[in-house]
Amino acid sequence: MPQPWSTPLDVDRLADNAAELDFAVPLAELSGLPAGVAGSVAGRARFGRAQGFPVVELTVQGAATLQCQRCMRPMSVPVERLVKVALVASEAEGARVPTELEPVLASGGRISIGELITEELLLTLPIVALHDAGQACAAPAESAAAEHGQDTHRPFARLADLLKS
């Protein structure tokens, strides 16, 4: 059974009725995000009209769990977004959207809350996830050697000496 946030909705009807929808979405279930993204977000979508366009004010809060590409351990990335987007039926229509609104394509006049969330997360989440400088992060080889009390094997450490002779 599809989740309510994954069902395509008629944007004109929602905008005309000034609908407000609350949601809670597990990120692992959003198909447009990179593999391995976990966590969840919650928020509210407020629909309306602005300058002839159906618009939605989207509030998203939560945390995404990504894999740090330096130490390969999980890391949490806070997500807090408030955006107002115009829902357009075509790219040509998107060119007419006022600059204070961001155009989002709603093919056939329909879009799901999950698609809106995915669009915002792709803009928010880092392309390459890395722990911040203040957080503990060690490269896997260094941490594994340190845990076992072993020296790190460096096969090319004496290469300069060999090339001199």
N, C-alpha and C. Protein backbone atom coordinates (compact mmCIF):
# COMPACT_ATOMS: atom_id res chain seq x y z
N MET A 1 0.83 -1.17 0.00
CA MET A 1 0.00 0.00 0.00
C MET A 1 0.88 1.25 0.00
N PRO A 2 0.68 2.16 -0.95
CA PRO A 2 1.53 3.34 -1.01
C PRO A 2 1.31 4.26 0.20
N GLN A 3 2.39 4.90 0.61
CA GLN A 3 2.33 5.85 1.72
C GLN A 3 1.67 7.15 1.24
N PRO A 4 1.01 7.90 2.12
CA PRO A 4 0.36 9.15 1.70
C PRO A 4 1.33 10.15 1.07
N TRP A 5 2.57 10.19 1.53
CA TRP A 5 3.53 11.13 0.98
C TRP A 5 4.03 10.73 -0.40
N SER A 6 3.79 9.49 -0.82
CA SER A 6 4.26 9.03 -2.13
C SER A 6 3.19 9.12 -3.21
N THR A 7 1.98 9.47 -2.84
CA THR A 7 0.88 9.54 -3.79
C THR A 7 0.89 10.88 -4.53
N PRO A 8 0.88 10.87 -5.88
CA PRO A 8 0.81 12.14 -6.63
C PRO A 8 -0.49 12.87 -6.34
N LEU A 9 -0.37 14.18 -6.10
CA LEU A 9 -1.50 15.01 -5.74
C LEU A 9 -1.77 16.05 -6.82
N ASP A 10 -3.03 16.45 -6.98
CA ASP A 10 -3.43 17.47 -7.94
C ASP A 10 -3.07 18.85 -7.36
N VAL A 11 -2.05 19.50 -7.91
CA VAL A 11 -1.55 20.74 -7.34
C VAL A 11 -2.55 21.90 -7.46
N ASP A 12 -3.33 21.94 -8.55
CA ASP A 12 -4.31 23.02 -8.71
C ASP A 12 -5.40 22.94 -7.63
N ARG A 13 -5.88 21.74 -7.38
CA ARG A 13 -6.92 21.56 -6.36
C ARG A 13 -6.39 21.92 -4.97
N LEU A 14 -5.18 21.47 -4.66
CA LEU A 14 -4.58 21.80 -3.37
C LEU A 14 -4.37 23.31 -3.22
N ALA A 15 -3.89 23.96 -4.30
CA ALA A 15 -3.65 25.41 -4.25
C ALA A 15 -4.96 26.17 -4.11
N ASP A 16 -5.99 25.78 -4.85
CA ASP A 16 -7.29 26.47 -4.77
C ASP A 16 -7.92 26.33 -3.39
N ASN A 17 -7.69 25.22 -2.71
CA ASN A 17 -8.26 24.97 -1.38
C ASN A 17 -7.32 25.40 -0.24
N ALA A 18 -6.16 25.96 -0.58
CA ALA A 18 -5.15 26.36 0.42
C ALA A 18 -4.91 25.22 1.42
N ALA A 19 -4.68 24.04 0.89
CA ALA A 19 -4.50 22.83 1.72
C ALA A 19 -3.19 22.88 2.49
N GLU A 20 -3.21 22.27 3.66
CA GLU A 20 -2.02 22.09 4.48
C GLU A 20 -1.89 20.61 4.80
N LEU A 21 -0.73 20.04 4.50
CA LEU A 21 -0.50 18.61 4.72
C LEU A 21 0.72 18.41 5.61
N ASP A 22 0.56 17.66 6.69
CA ASP A 22 1.68 17.29 7.54
C ASP A 22 2.22 15.95 7.06
N PHE A 23 3.53 15.76 7.23
CA PHE A 23 4.13 14.50 6.77
C PHE A 23 5.28 14.10 7.67
N ALA A 24 5.57 12.81 7.65
CA ALA A 24 6.75 12.21 8.27
C ALA A 24 7.23 11.14 7.30
N VAL A 25 8.48 11.26 6.87
CA VAL A 25 8.98 10.40 5.79
C VAL A 25 10.31 9.77 6.19
N PRO A 26 10.40 8.43 6.12
CA PRO A 26 11.71 7.77 6.28
C PRO A 26 12.51 7.95 4.98
N LEU A 27 13.70 8.49 5.09
CA LEU A 27 14.49 8.83 3.90
C LEU A 27 14.88 7.61 3.07
N ALA A 28 15.03 6.47 3.70
CA ALA A 28 15.41 5.26 2.96
C ALA A 28 14.34 4.87 1.94
N GLU A 29 13.11 5.36 2.11
CA GLU A 29 12.03 5.01 1.19
C GLU A 29 11.88 5.99 0.02
N LEU A 30 12.67 7.05 0.00
CA LEU A 30 12.62 8.00 -1.12
C LEU A 30 13.54 7.50 -2.22
N SER A 31 12.97 7.21 -3.36
CA SER A 31 13.74 6.57 -4.43
C SER A 31 14.73 7.50 -5.13
N GLY A 32 14.57 8.80 -5.04
CA GLY A 32 15.46 9.71 -5.76
C GLY A 32 16.74 10.06 -5.03
N LEU A 33 16.90 9.61 -3.79
CA LEU A 33 18.10 9.92 -3.02
C LEU A 33 19.18 8.87 -3.27
N PRO A 34 20.45 9.23 -3.04
CA PRO A 34 21.52 8.25 -3.21
C PRO A 34 21.33 7.05 -2.28
N ALA A 35 21.84 5.91 -2.68
CA ALA A 35 21.74 4.70 -1.86
C ALA A 35 22.45 4.92 -0.53
N GLY A 36 21.90 4.35 0.51
CA GLY A 36 22.52 4.41 1.82
C GLY A 36 22.08 5.57 2.68
N VAL A 37 21.27 6.49 2.17
CA VAL A 37 20.78 7.60 2.98
C VAL A 37 19.70 7.06 3.90
N ALA A 38 19.84 7.33 5.19
CA ALA A 38 18.87 6.88 6.19
C ALA A 38 18.42 8.09 7.00
N GLY A 39 17.60 7.84 8.00
CA GLY A 39 17.08 8.91 8.83
C GLY A 39 15.64 9.20 8.46
N SER A 40 15.12 10.31 8.95
CA SER A 40 13.75 10.69 8.63
C SER A 40 13.59 12.20 8.74
N VAL A 41 12.58 12.69 8.06
CA VAL A 41 12.22 14.11 8.13
C VAL A 41 10.72 14.21 8.34
N ALA A 42 10.32 15.33 8.90
CA ALA A 42 8.90 15.62 9.09
C ALA A 42 8.69 17.08 8.75
N GLY A 43 7.46 17.45 8.54
CA GLY A 43 7.20 18.85 8.24
C GLY A 43 5.79 19.08 7.76
N ARG A 44 5.64 20.19 7.05
CA ARG A 44 4.33 20.60 6.57
C ARG A 44 4.47 21.22 5.19
N ALA A 45 3.47 20.96 4.35
CA ALA A 45 3.36 21.57 3.02
C ALA A 45 2.10 22.42 3.02
N ARG A 46 2.27 23.72 2.76
CA ARG A 46 1.13 24.66 2.69
C ARG A 46 0.99 25.10 1.23
N PHE A 47 -0.14 24.78 0.65
CA PHE A 47 -0.38 25.10 -0.75
C PHE A 47 -1.15 26.42 -0.87
N GLY A 48 -0.98 27.08 -1.98
CA GLY A 48 -1.70 28.32 -2.25
C GLY A 48 -1.40 28.78 -3.67
N ARG A 49 -1.68 30.03 -3.94
CA ARG A 49 -1.41 30.62 -5.26
C ARG A 49 -0.64 31.92 -5.07
N ALA A 50 0.26 32.18 -6.00
CA ALA A 50 1.02 33.43 -6.03
C ALA A 50 1.29 33.79 -7.48
N GLN A 51 0.86 34.97 -7.87
CA GLN A 51 1.08 35.48 -9.22
C GLN A 51 0.62 34.48 -10.28
N GLY A 52 -0.49 33.82 -10.03
CA GLY A 52 -1.08 32.90 -11.00
C GLY A 52 -0.52 31.49 -10.99
N PHE A 53 0.46 31.23 -10.16
CA PHE A 53 1.07 29.90 -10.09
C PHE A 53 0.63 29.18 -8.83
N PRO A 54 0.40 27.86 -8.92
CA PRO A 54 0.22 27.09 -7.68
C PRO A 54 1.58 27.04 -6.97
N VAL A 55 1.59 27.34 -5.68
CA VAL A 55 2.83 27.34 -4.91
C VAL A 55 2.67 26.47 -3.68
N VAL A 56 3.80 26.05 -3.15
CA VAL A 56 3.80 25.31 -1.89
C VAL A 56 4.94 25.85 -1.04
N GLU A 57 4.62 26.12 0.21
CA GLU A 57 5.63 26.47 1.20
C GLU A 57 5.93 25.19 1.95
N LEU A 58 7.15 24.73 1.82
CA LEU A 58 7.56 23.44 2.36
C LEU A 58 8.50 23.64 3.55
N THR A 59 8.11 23.09 4.70
CA THR A 59 8.94 23.12 5.89
C THR A 59 9.38 21.68 6.15
N VAL A 60 10.70 21.47 6.22
CA VAL A 60 11.25 20.13 6.42
C VAL A 60 12.26 20.19 7.55
N GLN A 61 12.11 19.29 8.54
CA GLN A 61 13.05 19.19 9.65
C GLN A 61 13.33 17.73 9.94
N GLY A 62 14.56 17.46 10.32
CA GLY A 62 14.93 16.09 10.67
C GLY A 62 16.43 15.92 10.57
N ALA A 63 16.84 14.70 10.32
CA ALA A 63 18.26 14.39 10.18
C ALA A 63 18.43 13.27 9.18
N ALA A 64 19.47 13.41 8.37
CA ALA A 64 19.82 12.36 7.42
C ALA A 64 21.10 11.69 7.92
N THR A 65 21.16 10.39 7.81
CA THR A 65 22.36 9.65 8.17
C THR A 65 23.06 9.24 6.89
N LEU A 66 24.30 9.71 6.75
CA LEU A 66 25.12 9.43 5.57
C LEU A 66 26.39 8.72 6.01
N GLN A 67 27.14 8.20 5.06
CA GLN A 67 28.40 7.55 5.38
C GLN A 67 29.54 8.52 5.07
N CYS A 68 30.33 8.84 6.09
CA CYS A 68 31.49 9.72 5.91
C CYS A 68 32.44 9.05 4.92
N GLN A 69 32.88 9.78 3.92
CA GLN A 69 33.74 9.21 2.89
C GLN A 69 35.20 9.19 3.31
N ARG A 70 35.51 9.76 4.47
CA ARG A 70 36.87 9.71 4.98
C ARG A 70 37.06 8.49 5.88
N CYS A 71 36.15 8.30 6.86
CA CYS A 71 36.32 7.22 7.83
C CYS A 71 35.34 6.06 7.61
N MET A 72 34.38 6.24 6.69
CA MET A 72 33.39 5.22 6.33
C MET A 72 32.45 4.88 7.49
N ARG A 73 32.31 5.79 8.44
CA ARG A 73 31.39 5.60 9.56
C ARG A 73 30.15 6.45 9.33
N PRO A 74 29.03 6.08 9.96
CA PRO A 74 27.82 6.89 9.80
C PRO A 74 27.99 8.27 10.44
N MET A 75 27.35 9.24 9.82
CA MET A 75 27.35 10.59 10.36
C MET A 75 25.96 11.20 10.16
N SER A 76 25.56 12.04 11.08
CA SER A 76 24.25 12.66 11.00
C SER A 76 24.37 14.07 10.43
N VAL A 77 23.50 14.39 9.49
CA VAL A 77 23.45 15.72 8.89
C VAL A 77 22.08 16.31 9.20
N PRO A 78 22.03 17.40 9.97
CA PRO A 78 20.73 17.99 10.27
C PRO A 78 20.09 18.59 9.01
N VAL A 79 18.79 18.46 8.92
CA VAL A 79 18.04 19.00 7.79
C VAL A 79 17.00 19.96 8.35
N GLU A 80 17.09 21.20 7.91
CA GLU A 80 16.11 22.20 8.31
C GLU A 80 15.94 23.16 7.14
N ARG A 81 14.81 23.05 6.46
CA ARG A 81 14.57 23.85 5.26
C ARG A 81 13.19 24.48 5.32
N LEU A 82 13.10 25.69 4.82
CA LEU A 82 11.84 26.37 4.60
C LEU A 82 11.96 27.02 3.23
N VAL A 83 11.21 26.51 2.27
CA VAL A 83 11.27 27.02 0.90
C VAL A 83 9.86 27.24 0.37
N LYS A 84 9.78 28.15 -0.58
CA LYS A 84 8.51 28.39 -1.27
C LYS A 84 8.79 28.19 -2.75
N VAL A 85 8.08 27.23 -3.34
CA VAL A 85 8.31 26.89 -4.74
C VAL A 85 7.03 27.02 -5.55
N ALA A 86 7.22 27.35 -6.82
CA ALA A 86 6.10 27.38 -7.76
C ALA A 86 6.05 26.05 -8.48
N LEU A 87 4.89 25.46 -8.58
CA LEU A 87 4.71 24.16 -9.23
C LEU A 87 4.27 24.42 -10.67
N VAL A 88 5.15 24.09 -11.61
CA VAL A 88 4.89 24.39 -13.02
C VAL A 88 4.70 23.10 -13.81
N ALA A 89 3.93 23.20 -14.89
CA ALA A 89 3.62 22.03 -15.71
C ALA A 89 4.66 21.78 -16.79
N SER A 90 5.48 22.80 -17.14
CA SER A 90 6.48 22.63 -18.20
C SER A 90 7.68 23.53 -17.93
N GLU A 91 8.77 23.24 -18.62
CA GLU A 91 9.97 24.06 -18.47
C GLU A 91 9.73 25.47 -19.00
N ALA A 92 8.94 25.60 -20.06
CA ALA A 92 8.62 26.91 -20.61
C ALA A 92 7.87 27.75 -19.58
N GLU A 93 6.96 27.13 -18.86
CA GLU A 93 6.22 27.82 -17.81
C GLU A 93 7.14 28.21 -16.66
N GLY A 94 8.15 27.39 -16.40
CA GLY A 94 9.11 27.67 -15.34
C GLY A 94 9.92 28.92 -15.59
N ALA A 95 10.12 29.28 -16.86
CA ALA A 95 10.87 30.48 -17.20
C ALA A 95 10.11 31.75 -16.80
N ARG A 96 8.81 31.66 -16.62
CA ARG A 96 7.99 32.82 -16.26
C ARG A 96 7.80 32.99 -14.75
N VAL A 97 8.35 32.09 -13.97
CA VAL A 97 8.18 32.13 -12.52
C VAL A 97 8.97 33.32 -11.96
N PRO A 98 8.37 34.10 -11.05
CA PRO A 98 9.09 35.22 -10.44
C PRO A 98 10.36 34.75 -9.72
N THR A 99 11.33 35.64 -9.62
CA THR A 99 12.64 35.27 -9.06
C THR A 99 12.58 34.87 -7.58
N GLU A 100 11.58 35.34 -6.84
CA GLU A 100 11.50 34.97 -5.41
C GLU A 100 10.99 33.55 -5.20
N LEU A 101 10.53 32.90 -6.27
CA LEU A 101 10.07 31.52 -6.19
C LEU A 101 11.00 30.63 -7.00
N GLU A 102 11.16 29.42 -6.52
CA GLU A 102 11.94 28.43 -7.25
C GLU A 102 10.97 27.53 -8.02
N PRO A 103 11.15 27.36 -9.34
CA PRO A 103 10.24 26.49 -10.07
C PRO A 103 10.55 25.01 -9.85
N VAL A 104 9.49 24.22 -9.69
CA VAL A 104 9.61 22.76 -9.59
C VAL A 104 8.61 22.17 -10.57
N LEU A 105 9.08 21.25 -11.38
CA LEU A 105 8.24 20.64 -12.41
C LEU A 105 7.25 19.65 -11.78
N ALA A 106 5.97 19.90 -12.05
CA ALA A 106 4.89 19.00 -11.61
C ALA A 106 4.21 18.49 -12.87
N SER A 107 4.76 17.45 -13.45
CA SER A 107 4.25 16.92 -14.72
C SER A 107 2.78 16.55 -14.62
N GLY A 108 2.01 16.99 -15.59
CA GLY A 108 0.58 16.68 -15.60
C GLY A 108 -0.18 17.34 -14.47
N GLY A 109 0.42 18.36 -13.84
CA GLY A 109 -0.25 19.05 -12.75
C GLY A 109 -0.33 18.23 -11.47
N ARG A 110 0.55 17.23 -11.34
CA ARG A 110 0.54 16.36 -10.16
C ARG A 110 1.97 16.20 -9.63
N ILE A 111 2.07 16.14 -8.31
CA ILE A 111 3.37 15.91 -7.67
C ILE A 111 3.11 15.31 -6.29
N SER A 112 4.05 14.52 -5.80
CA SER A 112 3.90 13.94 -4.46
C SER A 112 4.76 14.74 -3.47
N ILE A 113 4.40 14.64 -2.22
CA ILE A 113 5.19 15.27 -1.16
C ILE A 113 6.60 14.67 -1.17
N GLY A 114 6.70 13.38 -1.42
CA GLY A 114 8.01 12.71 -1.49
C GLY A 114 8.90 13.31 -2.56
N GLU A 115 8.34 13.67 -3.71
CA GLU A 115 9.13 14.29 -4.78
C GLU A 115 9.63 15.67 -4.35
N LEU A 116 8.79 16.43 -3.66
CA LEU A 116 9.20 17.75 -3.17
C LEU A 116 10.33 17.62 -2.15
N ILE A 117 10.20 16.66 -1.26
CA ILE A 117 11.23 16.45 -0.24
C ILE A 117 12.53 16.01 -0.89
N THR A 118 12.45 15.09 -1.83
CA THR A 118 13.65 14.61 -2.53
C THR A 118 14.36 15.76 -3.21
N GLU A 119 13.62 16.61 -3.88
CA GLU A 119 14.20 17.76 -4.58
C GLU A 119 14.97 18.65 -3.60
N GLU A 120 14.39 18.93 -2.46
CA GLU A 120 15.04 19.78 -1.47
C GLU A 120 16.25 19.11 -0.84
N LEU A 121 16.16 17.82 -0.57
CA LEU A 121 17.30 17.12 0.03
C LEU A 121 18.47 17.02 -0.93
N LEU A 122 18.21 16.86 -2.21
CA LEU A 122 19.30 16.83 -3.18
C LEU A 122 20.04 18.16 -3.22
N LEU A 123 19.33 19.25 -2.95
CA LEU A 123 19.95 20.57 -2.89
C LEU A 123 20.64 20.82 -1.55
N THR A 124 20.22 20.14 -0.50
CA THR A 124 20.70 20.41 0.86
C THR A 124 21.85 19.50 1.28
N LEU A 125 21.74 18.21 1.01
CA LEU A 125 22.74 17.26 1.49
C LEU A 125 24.06 17.43 0.77
N PRO A 126 25.17 17.19 1.45
CA PRO A 126 26.48 17.33 0.79
C PRO A 126 26.68 16.28 -0.30
N ILE A 127 27.38 16.67 -1.34
CA ILE A 127 27.68 15.73 -2.42
C ILE A 127 28.63 14.65 -1.91
N VAL A 128 29.63 15.08 -1.12
CA VAL A 128 30.57 14.16 -0.48
C VAL A 128 30.45 14.37 1.02
N ALA A 129 29.97 13.37 1.72
CA ALA A 129 29.77 13.48 3.16
C ALA A 129 31.09 13.30 3.89
N LEU A 130 31.44 14.31 4.73
CA LEU A 130 32.64 14.25 5.55
C LEU A 130 32.32 14.82 6.91
N HIS A 131 32.87 14.22 7.97
CA HIS A 131 32.72 14.78 9.30
C HIS A 131 33.34 16.17 9.31
N ASP A 132 32.79 17.06 10.13
CA ASP A 132 33.38 18.39 10.30
C ASP A 132 34.71 18.27 11.01
N ALA A 133 35.52 19.33 10.92
CA ALA A 133 36.85 19.31 11.52
C ALA A 133 36.80 19.06 13.03
N GLY A 134 35.78 19.53 13.72
CA GLY A 134 35.68 19.36 15.16
C GLY A 134 35.20 17.98 15.59
N GLN A 135 34.73 17.16 14.66
CA GLN A 135 34.21 15.85 15.01
C GLN A 135 35.30 14.79 14.81
N ALA A 136 35.21 13.71 15.61
CA ALA A 136 36.18 12.63 15.51
C ALA A 136 36.01 11.90 14.19
N CYS A 137 37.08 11.85 13.45
CA CYS A 137 37.05 11.15 12.16
C CYS A 137 38.47 10.70 11.86
N ALA A 138 38.66 9.42 11.73
CA ALA A 138 39.97 8.88 11.41
C ALA A 138 39.83 7.98 10.21
N ALA A 139 40.82 8.02 9.36
CA ALA A 139 40.80 7.15 8.19
C ALA A 139 40.78 5.70 8.66
N PRO A 140 40.06 4.81 7.96
CA PRO A 140 39.93 3.43 8.43
C PRO A 140 41.26 2.70 8.62
N ALA A 141 42.22 2.89 7.73
CA ALA A 141 43.49 2.17 7.86
C ALA A 141 44.23 2.63 9.11
N GLU A 142 44.24 3.92 9.38
CA GLU A 142 44.93 4.43 10.57
C GLU A 142 44.26 3.94 11.84
N SER A 143 42.94 3.98 11.88
CA SER A 143 42.23 3.57 13.09
C SER A 143 42.36 2.07 13.32
N ALA A 144 42.34 1.27 12.27
CA ALA A 144 42.46 -0.18 12.43
C ALA A 144 43.85 -0.55 12.94
N ALA A 145 44.89 0.10 12.41
CA ALA A 145 46.25 -0.19 12.87
C ALA A 145 46.43 0.25 14.31
N ALA A 146 45.87 1.41 14.67
CA ALA A 146 45.99 1.91 16.04
C ALA A 146 45.27 0.99 17.03
N GLU A 147 44.12 0.45 16.63
CA GLU A 147 43.36 -0.44 17.51
C GLU A 147 44.15 -1.71 17.82
N HIS A 148 44.93 -2.20 16.86
CA HIS A 148 45.66 -3.45 17.04
C HIS A 148 47.11 -3.21 17.49
N GLY A 149 47.49 -1.96 17.71
CA GLY A 149 48.84 -1.65 18.16
C GLY A 149 49.89 -1.93 17.10
N GLN A 150 49.52 -1.91 15.86
CA GLN A 150 50.45 -2.21 14.78
C GLN A 150 50.89 -0.92 14.10
N ASP A 151 52.11 -0.98 13.54
CA ASP A 151 52.57 0.13 12.72
C ASP A 151 51.91 0.03 11.36
N THR A 152 51.71 1.17 10.74
CA THR A 152 51.14 1.19 9.40
C THR A 152 52.21 0.77 8.40
N HIS A 153 51.88 -0.15 7.54
CA HIS A 153 52.81 -0.63 6.51
C HIS A 153 52.87 0.39 5.38
N ARG A 154 54.05 0.87 5.07
CA ARG A 154 54.25 1.87 4.02
C ARG A 154 55.24 1.29 3.00
N PRO A 155 54.72 0.64 1.95
CA PRO A 155 55.58 -0.08 1.01
C PRO A 155 56.53 0.82 0.20
N PHE A 156 56.25 2.08 0.06
CA PHE A 156 57.09 2.96 -0.76
C PHE A 156 57.91 3.93 0.07
N ALA A 157 58.00 3.69 1.37
CA ALA A 157 58.70 4.60 2.26
C ALA A 157 60.18 4.74 1.89
N ARG A 158 60.81 3.70 1.43
CA ARG A 158 62.24 3.75 1.10
C ARG A 158 62.49 3.85 -0.39
N LEU A 159 61.49 4.14 -1.17
CA LEU A 159 61.63 4.21 -2.61
C LEU A 159 62.61 5.30 -3.03
N ALA A 160 62.63 6.43 -2.38
CA ALA A 160 63.55 7.52 -2.71
C ALA A 160 65.00 7.08 -2.51
N ASP A 161 65.27 6.33 -1.42
CA ASP A 161 66.62 5.83 -1.18
C ASP A 161 67.06 4.86 -2.26
N LEU A 162 66.17 4.00 -2.70
CA LEU A 162 66.50 3.02 -3.74
C LEU A 162 66.77 3.68 -5.09
N LEU A 163 66.05 4.75 -5.38
CA LEU A 163 66.23 5.44 -6.66
C LEU A 163 67.53 6.24 -6.71
N LYS A 164 68.08 6.64 -5.57
CA LYS A 164 69.33 7.39 -5.53
C LYS A 164 70.51 6.51 -5.90
N SER A 165 70.44 5.22 -5.65
CA SER A 165 71.58 4.34 -5.90
C SER A 165 71.63 3.84 -7.30
